[in-house]
Amino acid sequence: MNEENEEIISFKILLLGNSEVGKTSFILRFCEHTFAEESITTIGVDTKTKFIIRNNQKIQLIIWDTAGQERFKAITKNSFKGAQGIILMYGVNNKESFKGIKEWINNIKENSDQNKVVLIIVGNKCDLDESNWAVDREMVNDLQQKENIEILLASAKNNINVSETFSKLVDKMMDLDLGVVKRNTVFGDNDEEKGQKLNSKTEKKKKGCCKK
């Protein structure tokens, strides 16, 4: 097959959650392998594109970074259109952001087809000493059981479970055949083009938005 006509599967991924939980830092760590100590505030919606290879398949990820402030909720709602994957984030040191997860889940259910979107919850900033966590593991386990949604602990700063989160999301989206097939898309000039691949493989089961 001519490389120019080779199929690339494209996915739209939203990062949702309250402000200051590290959504932008998480995306920058994944897309650009960088981390900024200073807080980065997203105004409205920002997007980044990342090309990867997963299970020998070329994949385009269009990642939407959304603002968590209340005044941007209307913009965020409009962002749901066409999204196949969602990473819902809270900060392990921010109890209010964890309490807001339930509202975000309701928002997702109201604005998306649960059979056509995959949701993973991420507790960011797990590099902090557990004595500084405002959300303990028992609270996390309780939420995971009640909502039946996979929850990962991660750190954009220390690069813990960042690529793994996207790996799990991509595997689940591919299991459900949610991607959009594209042709003649320029494959990105990044590490994946040179042979680096996402790690961590998830079990192959049919799963929707609110299921592990």
C-alpha atoms as a PDB file:
ATOM      1  CA  MET A   1       0.000   0.000   0.000  1.00  0.00           C
ATOM      2  CA  ASN A   2       1.254   3.486  -0.871  1.00  0.00           C
ATOM      3  CA  GLU A   3       2.290   5.190   2.376  1.00  0.00           C
ATOM      4  CA  GLU A   4       0.384   8.318   1.382  1.00  0.00           C
ATOM      5  CA  ASN A   5      -2.803   6.248   1.175  1.00  0.00           C
ATOM      6  CA  GLU A   6      -2.178   4.248   4.331  1.00  0.00           C
ATOM      7  CA  GLU A   7      -5.028   4.306   6.796  1.00  0.00           C
ATOM      8  CA  ILE A   8      -4.650   6.301   9.965  1.00  0.00           C
ATOM      9  CA  ILE A   9      -7.254   6.002  12.721  1.00  0.00           C
ATOM     10  CA  SER A  10      -8.130   9.333  14.323  1.00  0.00           C
ATOM     11  CA  PHE A  11      -9.550   9.805  17.817  1.00  0.00           C
ATOM     12  CA  LYS A  12     -10.778  12.931  19.555  1.00  0.00           C
ATOM     13  CA  ILE A  13      -9.936  12.963  23.281  1.00  0.00           C
ATOM     14  CA  LEU A  14     -11.189  15.440  25.873  1.00  0.00           C
ATOM     15  CA  LEU A  15      -9.438  16.271  29.120  1.00  0.00           C
ATOM     16  CA  LEU A  16     -12.000  17.421  31.671  1.00  0.00           C
ATOM     17  CA  GLY A  17     -11.894  18.386  35.327  1.00  0.00           C
ATOM     18  CA  ASN A  18     -11.731  21.343  37.667  1.00  0.00           C
ATOM     19  CA  SER A  19      -9.105  24.022  37.193  1.00  0.00           C
ATOM     20  CA  GLU A  20      -5.578  23.625  38.556  1.00  0.00           C
ATOM     21  CA  VAL A  21      -5.567  19.828  38.589  1.00  0.00           C
ATOM     22  CA  GLY A  22      -2.837  19.660  35.931  1.00  0.00           C
ATOM     23  CA  LYS A  23      -4.710  18.892  32.707  1.00  0.00           C
ATOM     24  CA  THR A  24      -2.450  21.068  30.554  1.00  0.00           C
ATOM     25  CA  SER A  25       0.710  19.739  32.205  1.00  0.00           C
ATOM     26  CA  PHE A  26      -0.534  16.191  31.591  1.00  0.00           C
ATOM     27  CA  ILE A  27      -1.006  16.896  27.884  1.00  0.00           C
ATOM     28  CA  LEU A  28       2.356  18.633  27.546  1.00  0.00           C
ATOM     29  CA  ARG A  29       4.102  15.709  29.231  1.00  0.00           C
ATOM     30  CA  PHE A  30       2.486  13.293  26.796  1.00  0.00           C
ATOM     31  CA  CYS A  31       2.780  15.357  23.613  1.00  0.00           C
ATOM     32  CA  GLU A  32       6.026  17.250  24.151  1.00  0.00           C
ATOM     33  CA  HIS A  33       7.793  15.336  26.959  1.00  0.00           C
ATOM     34  CA  THR A  34       8.060  18.545  28.982  1.00  0.00           C
ATOM     35  CA  PHE A  35       6.875  19.794  32.367  1.00  0.00           C
ATOM     36  CA  ALA A  36       6.555  23.374  33.647  1.00  0.00           C
ATOM     37  CA  GLU A  37       6.650  23.984  37.400  1.00  0.00           C
ATOM     38  CA  GLU A  38       4.482  27.089  37.130  1.00  0.00           C
ATOM     39  CA  SER A  39       0.723  26.682  36.860  1.00  0.00           C
ATOM     40  CA  ILE A  40      -0.698  26.908  33.332  1.00  0.00           C
ATOM     41  CA  THR A  41      -4.267  28.169  32.948  1.00  0.00           C
ATOM     42  CA  THR A  42      -6.262  27.196  29.873  1.00  0.00           C
ATOM     43  CA  ILE A  43      -8.607  29.861  28.505  1.00  0.00           C
ATOM     44  CA  GLY A  44     -11.576  28.200  26.822  1.00  0.00           C
ATOM     45  CA  VAL A  45     -10.279  25.247  24.768  1.00  0.00           C
ATOM     46  CA  ASP A  46      -6.846  24.405  23.392  1.00  0.00           C
ATOM     47  CA  THR A  47      -5.937  21.449  21.165  1.00  0.00           C
ATOM     48  CA  LYS A  48      -2.850  19.406  20.417  1.00  0.00           C
ATOM     49  CA  THR A  49      -2.295  16.590  17.942  1.00  0.00           C
ATOM     50  CA  LYS A  50      -0.153  13.548  18.665  1.00  0.00           C
ATOM     51  CA  PHE A  51       0.672  10.723  16.242  1.00  0.00           C
ATOM     52  CA  ILE A  52       1.459   7.316  17.702  1.00  0.00           C
ATOM     53  CA  ILE A  53       1.801   3.681  16.692  1.00  0.00           C
ATOM     54  CA  ARG A  54      -0.339   1.245  18.666  1.00  0.00           C
ATOM     55  CA  ASN A  55      -0.435  -2.467  17.869  1.00  0.00           C
ATOM     56  CA  ASN A  56       1.193  -1.715  14.488  1.00  0.00           C
ATOM     57  CA  GLN A  57      -1.587   0.768  13.660  1.00  0.00           C
ATOM     58  CA  LYS A  58      -0.844   4.402  12.942  1.00  0.00           C
ATOM     59  CA  ILE A  59      -3.077   6.598  15.098  1.00  0.00           C
ATOM     60  CA  GLN A  60      -3.814  10.304  15.294  1.00  0.00           C
ATOM     61  CA  LEU A  61      -4.900  11.670  18.666  1.00  0.00           C
ATOM     62  CA  ILE A  62      -6.575  15.075  18.657  1.00  0.00           C
ATOM     63  CA  ILE A  63      -6.451  16.101  22.311  1.00  0.00           C
ATOM     64  CA  TRP A  64      -8.718  18.869  23.612  1.00  0.00           C
ATOM     65  CA  ASP A  65      -7.566  20.687  26.732  1.00  0.00           C
ATOM     66  CA  THR A  66     -10.604  22.323  28.354  1.00  0.00           C
ATOM     67  CA  ALA A  67     -10.836  25.014  31.015  1.00  0.00           C
ATOM     68  CA  GLY A  68     -12.226  23.933  34.363  1.00  0.00           C
ATOM     69  CA  GLN A  69     -13.577  27.300  35.477  1.00  0.00           C
ATOM     70  CA  GLU A  70     -17.341  27.580  35.819  1.00  0.00           C
ATOM     71  CA  ARG A  71     -17.603  30.384  33.238  1.00  0.00           C
ATOM     72  CA  PHE A  72     -16.219  28.058  30.572  1.00  0.00           C
ATOM     73  CA  LYS A  73     -18.708  25.223  31.183  1.00  0.00           C
ATOM     74  CA  ALA A  74     -20.743  26.177  28.095  1.00  0.00           C
ATOM     75  CA  ILE A  75     -17.626  25.940  25.919  1.00  0.00           C
ATOM     76  CA  THR A  76     -16.786  22.594  27.456  1.00  0.00           C
ATOM     77  CA  LYS A  77     -20.274  21.227  26.711  1.00  0.00           C
ATOM     78  CA  ASN A  78     -19.848  22.127  23.039  1.00  0.00           C
ATOM     79  CA  SER A  79     -16.559  20.232  23.015  1.00  0.00           C
ATOM     80  CA  PHE A  80     -18.248  16.854  23.532  1.00  0.00           C
ATOM     81  CA  LYS A  81     -19.324  16.595  19.893  1.00  0.00           C
ATOM     82  CA  GLY A  82     -17.330  13.888  18.135  1.00  0.00           C
ATOM     83  CA  ALA A  83     -15.282  12.887  21.183  1.00  0.00           C
ATOM     84  CA  GLN A  84     -14.517   9.171  21.464  1.00  0.00           C
ATOM     85  CA  GLY A  85     -12.397   9.318  24.616  1.00  0.00           C
ATOM     86  CA  ILE A  86     -12.444  11.333  27.836  1.00  0.00           C
ATOM     87  CA  ILE A  87      -9.852  11.672  30.584  1.00  0.00           C
ATOM     88  CA  LEU A  88     -11.538  13.124  33.670  1.00  0.00           C
ATOM     89  CA  MET A  89      -8.955  14.510  36.091  1.00  0.00           C
ATOM     90  CA  TYR A  90      -8.765  15.536  39.737  1.00  0.00           C
ATOM     91  CA  GLY A  91      -5.793  16.420  41.916  1.00  0.00           C
ATOM     92  CA  VAL A  92      -4.937  14.068  44.767  1.00  0.00           C
ATOM     93  CA  ASN A  93      -4.190  17.182  46.846  1.00  0.00           C
ATOM     94  CA  ASN A  94      -7.479  18.882  45.947  1.00  0.00           C
ATOM     95  CA  LYS A  95     -10.568  17.420  47.615  1.00  0.00           C
ATOM     96  CA  GLU A  96     -12.894  19.881  45.863  1.00  0.00           C
ATOM     97  CA  SER A  97     -11.734  18.646  42.479  1.00  0.00           C
ATOM     98  CA  PHE A  98     -12.470  15.076  43.608  1.00  0.00           C
ATOM     99  CA  LYS A  99     -15.912  16.060  44.895  1.00  0.00           C
ATOM    100  CA  GLY A 100     -16.590  17.609  41.489  1.00  0.00           C
ATOM    101  CA  ILE A 101     -16.028  14.274  39.703  1.00  0.00           C
ATOM    102  CA  LYS A 102     -19.658  13.222  40.187  1.00  0.00           C
ATOM    103  CA  GLU A 103     -20.919  16.426  38.556  1.00  0.00           C
ATOM    104  CA  TRP A 104     -18.490  15.961  35.681  1.00  0.00           C
ATOM    105  CA  ILE A 105     -19.697  12.375  35.192  1.00  0.00           C
ATOM    106  CA  ASN A 106     -23.305  13.597  35.049  1.00  0.00           C
ATOM    107  CA  ASN A 107     -22.222  16.250  32.556  1.00  0.00           C
ATOM    108  CA  ILE A 108     -20.587  13.579  30.398  1.00  0.00           C
ATOM    109  CA  LYS A 109     -23.694  11.385  30.507  1.00  0.00           C
ATOM    110  CA  GLU A 110     -25.897  14.326  29.480  1.00  0.00           C
ATOM    111  CA  ASN A 111     -23.706  15.410  26.583  1.00  0.00           C
ATOM    112  CA  SER A 112     -22.390  12.191  25.066  1.00  0.00           C
ATOM    113  CA  ASP A 113     -23.505   8.746  23.954  1.00  0.00           C
ATOM    114  CA  GLN A 114     -22.188   6.391  26.641  1.00  0.00           C
ATOM    115  CA  ASN A 115     -21.879   3.588  24.093  1.00  0.00           C
ATOM    116  CA  LYS A 116     -19.635   5.681  21.866  1.00  0.00           C
ATOM    117  CA  VAL A 117     -17.197   7.213  24.330  1.00  0.00           C
ATOM    118  CA  VAL A 118     -14.636   5.735  26.725  1.00  0.00           C
ATOM    119  CA  LEU A 119     -14.000   7.386  30.088  1.00  0.00           C
ATOM    120  CA  ILE A 120     -11.005   7.039  32.398  1.00  0.00           C
ATOM    121  CA  ILE A 121     -10.565   8.991  35.633  1.00  0.00           C
ATOM    122  CA  VAL A 122      -7.069  10.151  36.592  1.00  0.00           C
ATOM    123  CA  GLY A 123      -5.866  11.332  39.990  1.00  0.00           C
ATOM    124  CA  ASN A 124      -2.960  13.608  39.084  1.00  0.00           C
ATOM    125  CA  LYS A 125      -0.016  14.733  41.273  1.00  0.00           C
ATOM    126  CA  CYS A 126       0.517  11.334  42.915  1.00  0.00           C
ATOM    127  CA  ASP A 127       4.209  12.274  43.182  1.00  0.00           C
ATOM    128  CA  LEU A 128       3.272  14.252  46.316  1.00  0.00           C
ATOM    129  CA  ASP A 129       3.935  12.594  49.657  1.00  0.00           C
ATOM    130  CA  GLU A 130       0.769  10.756  50.698  1.00  0.00           C
ATOM    131  CA  SER A 131       0.670  12.829  53.882  1.00  0.00           C
ATOM    132  CA  ASN A 132      -0.223  15.764  51.597  1.00  0.00           C
ATOM    133  CA  TRP A 133      -2.994  13.929  49.770  1.00  0.00           C
ATOM    134  CA  ALA A 134      -6.495  15.241  50.363  1.00  0.00           C
ATOM    135  CA  VAL A 135      -7.990  12.243  48.559  1.00  0.00           C
ATOM    136  CA  ASP A 136      -6.943   8.926  50.080  1.00  0.00           C
ATOM    137  CA  ARG A 137      -6.929   5.535  48.406  1.00  0.00           C
ATOM    138  CA  GLU A 138     -10.079   4.424  50.200  1.00  0.00           C
ATOM    139  CA  MET A 139     -12.012   7.344  48.701  1.00  0.00           C
ATOM    140  CA  VAL A 140     -10.669   6.443  45.270  1.00  0.00           C
ATOM    141  CA  ASN A 141     -11.606   2.758  45.617  1.00  0.00           C
ATOM    142  CA  ASP A 142     -15.086   3.723  46.805  1.00  0.00           C
ATOM    143  CA  LEU A 143     -15.660   5.968  43.781  1.00  0.00           C
ATOM    144  CA  GLN A 144     -14.326   3.346  41.403  1.00  0.00           C
ATOM    145  CA  GLN A 145     -16.715   0.736  42.748  1.00  0.00           C
ATOM    146  CA  LYS A 146     -19.738   3.053  42.770  1.00  0.00           C
ATOM    147  CA  GLU A 147     -19.218   4.409  39.256  1.00  0.00           C
ATOM    148  CA  ASN A 148     -17.594   1.309  37.729  1.00  0.00           C
ATOM    149  CA  ILE A 149     -15.007   3.500  36.003  1.00  0.00           C
ATOM    150  CA  GLU A 150     -11.295   2.810  35.950  1.00  0.00           C
ATOM    151  CA  ILE A 151      -9.256   5.262  38.043  1.00  0.00           C
ATOM    152  CA  LEU A 152      -5.500   5.688  37.581  1.00  0.00           C
ATOM    153  CA  LEU A 153      -3.098   7.596  39.800  1.00  0.00           C
ATOM    154  CA  ALA A 154      -0.632   9.624  37.768  1.00  0.00           C
ATOM    155  CA  SER A 155       1.937  12.389  37.860  1.00  0.00           C
ATOM    156  CA  ALA A 156       2.638  14.733  34.967  1.00  0.00           C
ATOM    157  CA  LYS A 157       5.659  16.029  36.893  1.00  0.00           C
ATOM    158  CA  ASN A 158       7.331  12.636  37.356  1.00  0.00           C
ATOM    159  CA  ASN A 159       5.857  11.096  34.196  1.00  0.00           C
ATOM    160  CA  ILE A 160       3.944   8.395  36.072  1.00  0.00           C
ATOM    161  CA  ASN A 161       1.082   6.666  34.202  1.00  0.00           C
ATOM    162  CA  VAL A 162       0.871   9.420  31.570  1.00  0.00           C
ATOM    163  CA  SER A 163       1.468   7.391  28.415  1.00  0.00           C
ATOM    164  CA  GLU A 164      -0.159   4.418  30.143  1.00  0.00           C
ATOM    165  CA  THR A 165      -3.381   6.403  30.521  1.00  0.00           C
ATOM    166  CA  PHE A 166      -3.495   7.185  26.816  1.00  0.00           C
ATOM    167  CA  SER A 167      -2.571   3.554  26.035  1.00  0.00           C
ATOM    168  CA  LYS A 168      -5.538   2.211  27.972  1.00  0.00           C
ATOM    169  CA  LEU A 169      -7.846   4.792  26.415  1.00  0.00           C
ATOM    170  CA  VAL A 170      -6.686   4.012  22.871  1.00  0.00           C
ATOM    171  CA  ASP A 171      -7.033   0.249  23.388  1.00  0.00           C
ATOM    172  CA  LYS A 172     -10.579   0.615  24.660  1.00  0.00           C
ATOM    173  CA  MET A 173     -11.564   3.004  21.857  1.00  0.00           C
ATOM    174  CA  MET A 174     -10.128   0.608  19.291  1.00  0.00           C
ATOM    175  CA  ASP A 175     -12.000  -2.304  20.895  1.00  0.00           C
ATOM    176  CA  LEU A 176     -15.232  -0.391  20.308  1.00  0.00           C
ATOM    177  CA  ASP A 177     -14.252   0.670  16.765  1.00  0.00           C
ATOM    178  CA  LEU A 178     -14.807   4.311  17.647  1.00  0.00           C
ATOM    179  CA  GLY A 179     -12.090   5.859  15.507  1.00  0.00           C
ATOM    180  CA  VAL A 180     -12.436   7.774  12.257  1.00  0.00           C
ATOM    181  CA  VAL A 181     -10.378   6.337   9.392  1.00  0.00           C
ATOM    182  CA  LYS A 182      -8.344   8.913   7.502  1.00  0.00           C
ATOM    183  CA  ARG A 183      -6.077   8.747   4.480  1.00  0.00           C
ATOM    184  CA  ASN A 184      -3.339  11.030   3.153  1.00  0.00           C
ATOM    185  CA  THR A 185      -2.746  12.348   6.675  1.00  0.00           C
ATOM    186  CA  VAL A 186       0.842  13.410   7.296  1.00  0.00           C
ATOM    187  CA  PHE A 187       2.217  11.185  10.021  1.00  0.00           C
ATOM    188  CA  GLY A 188       3.735  13.391  12.699  1.00  0.00           C
ATOM    189  CA  ASP A 189       7.444  14.024  13.104  1.00  0.00           C
ATOM    190  CA  ASN A 190       7.771  12.715  16.644  1.00  0.00           C
ATOM    191  CA  ASP A 191       9.247   9.797  18.566  1.00  0.00           C
ATOM    192  CA  GLU A 192       6.540   7.383  17.459  1.00  0.00           C
ATOM    193  CA  GLU A 193       7.392   7.928  13.802  1.00  0.00           C
ATOM    194  CA  LYS A 194      10.927   6.779  14.624  1.00  0.00           C
ATOM    195  CA  GLY A 195       9.642   3.584  16.194  1.00  0.00           C
ATOM    196  CA  GLN A 196       8.695   4.481  19.782  1.00  0.00           C
ATOM    197  CA  LYS A 197       5.363   2.952  20.726  1.00  0.00           C
ATOM    198  CA  LEU A 198       2.939   3.452  23.574  1.00  0.00           C
ATOM    199  CA  ASN A 199       3.303   0.838  26.284  1.00  0.00           C
ATOM    200  CA  SER A 200       0.833  -0.977  28.544  1.00  0.00           C
ATOM    201  CA  LYS A 201      -1.702  -3.239  26.860  1.00  0.00           C
ATOM    202  CA  THR A 202      -5.183  -3.617  28.242  1.00  0.00           C
ATOM    203  CA  GLU A 203      -7.452  -6.631  28.096  1.00  0.00           C
ATOM    204  CA  LYS A 204      -9.717  -6.853  25.094  1.00  0.00           C
ATOM    205  CA  LYS A 205     -13.299  -6.400  26.225  1.00  0.00           C
ATOM    206  CA  LYS A 206     -16.183  -4.373  24.900  1.00  0.00           C
ATOM    207  CA  LYS A 207     -16.553  -1.381  27.198  1.00  0.00           C
ATOM    208  CA  GLY A 208     -18.395   1.922  27.062  1.00  0.00           C
ATOM    209  CA  CYS A 209     -18.172   5.233  28.867  1.00  0.00           C
ATOM    210  CA  CYS A 210     -18.904   4.246  32.419  1.00  0.00           C
ATOM    211  CA  LYS A 211     -17.387   0.801  32.554  1.00  0.00           C
ATOM    212  CA  LYS A 212     -13.917  -0.384  33.466  1.00  0.00           C
END
